[in-house]
Amino acid sequence: MAEAEQEILDLGYQIIAISPDHFKYLKPTVFTHAMNYQVYADPEAKLIQELGIGFETPDMTKMYIANKTKLDATNILPVPSVFVLNTSGNILFEYINPNYKVRLSTPLLLAVLETLKEE
């Protein structure tokens, strides 16, 4: 989505990201990647689970995450997901892929956003 960030913003959409990372690690990431949108921390994966997009990682992965972050880590991570909501909070489009290696393509996302903008 990074390569389409400006196009998404130019279409009038707001981007909000939810990360399972601890909030202490979000600011450097946002700064390093020059993100022009809000990124919120969900280190206990509460929202991730409420949205139904979480999967439980193997214990070995949890240890890797804990060692990397030096903080408590959840063993719940989100699958690739994109939700497009209107200002009333209604979901107009959602993409959820149980295969964490498969992301929504930029051309498809932009096509969806342009179509929804026309409606």
Protein backbone atom coordinates (compact mmCIF):
# COMPACT_ATOMS: atom_id res chain seq x y z
CA MET A 1 0.00 0.00 0.00
CA ALA A 2 2.97 2.29 0.49
CA GLU A 3 3.34 2.93 -3.24
CA ALA A 4 -0.32 3.96 -3.47
CA GLU A 5 -0.42 6.09 -0.32
CA GLN A 6 -0.49 9.46 -2.07
CA GLU A 7 -3.02 8.31 -4.67
CA ILE A 8 -5.31 7.06 -1.88
CA LEU A 9 -5.02 10.36 -0.05
CA ASP A 10 -5.58 12.30 -3.29
CA LEU A 11 -8.84 10.41 -3.78
CA GLY A 12 -9.97 11.83 -0.44
CA TYR A 13 -9.59 8.73 1.68
CA GLN A 14 -8.05 8.61 5.13
CA ILE A 15 -5.65 5.76 5.92
CA ILE A 16 -5.53 4.23 9.38
CA ALA A 17 -3.31 1.26 10.21
CA ILE A 18 -3.42 -1.08 13.19
CA SER A 19 -0.17 -2.74 14.19
CA PRO A 20 0.46 -5.52 16.70
CA ASP A 21 3.73 -3.76 17.56
CA HIS A 22 4.22 -1.95 20.84
CA PHE A 23 3.60 1.80 20.54
CA LYS A 24 7.25 2.52 21.39
CA TYR A 25 8.23 1.03 18.03
CA LEU A 26 5.60 2.71 15.90
CA LYS A 27 6.98 6.25 15.88
CA PRO A 28 10.39 5.26 14.44
CA THR A 29 8.67 3.13 11.79
CA VAL A 30 6.30 5.94 10.80
CA PHE A 31 9.20 8.42 10.69
CA THR A 32 11.56 6.12 8.78
CA HIS A 33 8.96 5.29 6.12
CA ALA A 34 7.54 8.85 6.01
CA MET A 35 3.98 7.63 6.49
CA ASN A 36 1.30 10.29 6.15
CA TYR A 37 -1.33 8.40 8.10
CA GLN A 38 -2.15 7.29 11.61
CA VAL A 39 -0.75 4.00 12.90
CA TYR A 40 -2.19 2.64 16.13
CA ALA A 41 -0.72 0.00 18.41
CA ASP A 42 -2.63 -3.11 19.39
CA PRO A 43 0.11 -5.05 21.21
CA GLU A 44 -2.38 -7.33 22.97
CA ALA A 45 -4.18 -7.95 19.65
CA LYS A 46 -7.57 -7.11 21.16
CA LEU A 47 -8.88 -5.21 18.13
CA ILE A 48 -7.22 -7.66 15.76
CA GLN A 49 -9.13 -10.50 17.41
CA GLU A 50 -12.40 -8.53 17.57
CA LEU A 51 -12.17 -7.95 13.82
CA GLY A 52 -11.62 -11.67 13.28
CA ILE A 53 -8.38 -11.17 11.39
CA GLY A 54 -5.95 -12.66 13.89
CA PHE A 55 -4.08 -15.92 13.68
CA GLU A 56 -2.04 -17.64 16.35
CA THR A 57 1.64 -17.90 15.59
CA PRO A 58 3.78 -20.86 16.60
CA ASP A 59 5.61 -20.53 19.94
CA MET A 60 8.92 -20.23 18.09
CA THR A 61 7.67 -17.13 16.27
CA LYS A 62 6.42 -15.60 19.51
CA MET A 63 9.92 -15.99 21.00
CA TYR A 64 11.42 -14.31 17.92
CA ILE A 65 9.02 -11.37 18.24
CA ALA A 66 9.64 -11.05 21.98
CA ASN A 67 13.41 -11.11 21.49
CA LYS A 68 13.22 -8.56 18.67
CA THR A 69 11.00 -6.11 20.52
CA LYS A 70 12.37 -6.70 24.02
CA LEU A 71 8.78 -6.34 25.20
CA ASP A 72 5.85 -8.59 25.88
CA ALA A 73 4.59 -9.98 22.61
CA THR A 74 1.31 -11.50 21.62
CA ASN A 75 1.20 -14.71 19.66
CA ILE A 76 -1.73 -13.29 17.66
CA LEU A 77 -0.86 -11.49 14.42
CA PRO A 78 -3.22 -10.06 11.77
CA VAL A 79 -3.68 -11.58 8.35
CA PRO A 80 -3.48 -9.11 5.44
CA SER A 81 -6.64 -7.02 5.67
CA VAL A 82 -8.04 -3.83 4.17
CA PHE A 83 -11.35 -2.29 5.17
CA VAL A 84 -12.93 0.67 3.41
CA LEU A 85 -15.53 2.42 5.54
CA ASN A 86 -17.75 5.38 4.90
CA THR A 87 -18.11 8.26 7.36
CA SER A 88 -21.02 6.43 9.03
CA GLY A 89 -18.77 3.47 9.84
CA ASN A 90 -20.34 1.11 7.31
CA ILE A 91 -17.94 -1.30 5.63
CA LEU A 92 -18.08 -0.72 1.88
CA PHE A 93 -15.27 -3.12 0.97
CA GLU A 94 -13.15 -5.61 2.81
CA TYR A 95 -10.19 -7.72 1.84
CA ILE A 96 -9.07 -10.47 4.21
CA ASN A 97 -6.66 -13.18 3.15
CA PRO A 98 -5.96 -16.09 5.47
CA ASN A 99 -2.60 -16.54 3.72
CA TYR A 100 -0.41 -13.99 5.48
CA LYS A 101 1.94 -13.92 2.48
CA VAL A 102 -0.71 -12.60 0.05
CA ARG A 103 -1.48 -8.88 0.02
CA LEU A 104 -4.12 -6.92 -1.84
CA SER A 105 -2.66 -5.66 -5.11
CA THR A 106 -2.28 -1.92 -5.52
CA PRO A 107 -4.15 -1.79 -8.86
CA LEU A 108 -7.12 -3.65 -7.37
CA LEU A 109 -7.22 -1.41 -4.30
CA LEU A 110 -7.11 1.74 -6.41
CA ALA A 111 -9.83 0.40 -8.72
CA VAL A 112 -12.07 -0.31 -5.74
CA LEU A 113 -11.45 3.13 -4.23
CA GLU A 114 -12.09 4.92 -7.52
CA THR A 115 -15.31 2.94 -8.05
CA LEU A 116 -16.55 3.66 -4.53
CA LYS A 117 -15.71 7.33 -4.97
CA GLU A 118 -17.95 7.48 -8.05
CA GLU A 119 -20.95 6.02 -6.21
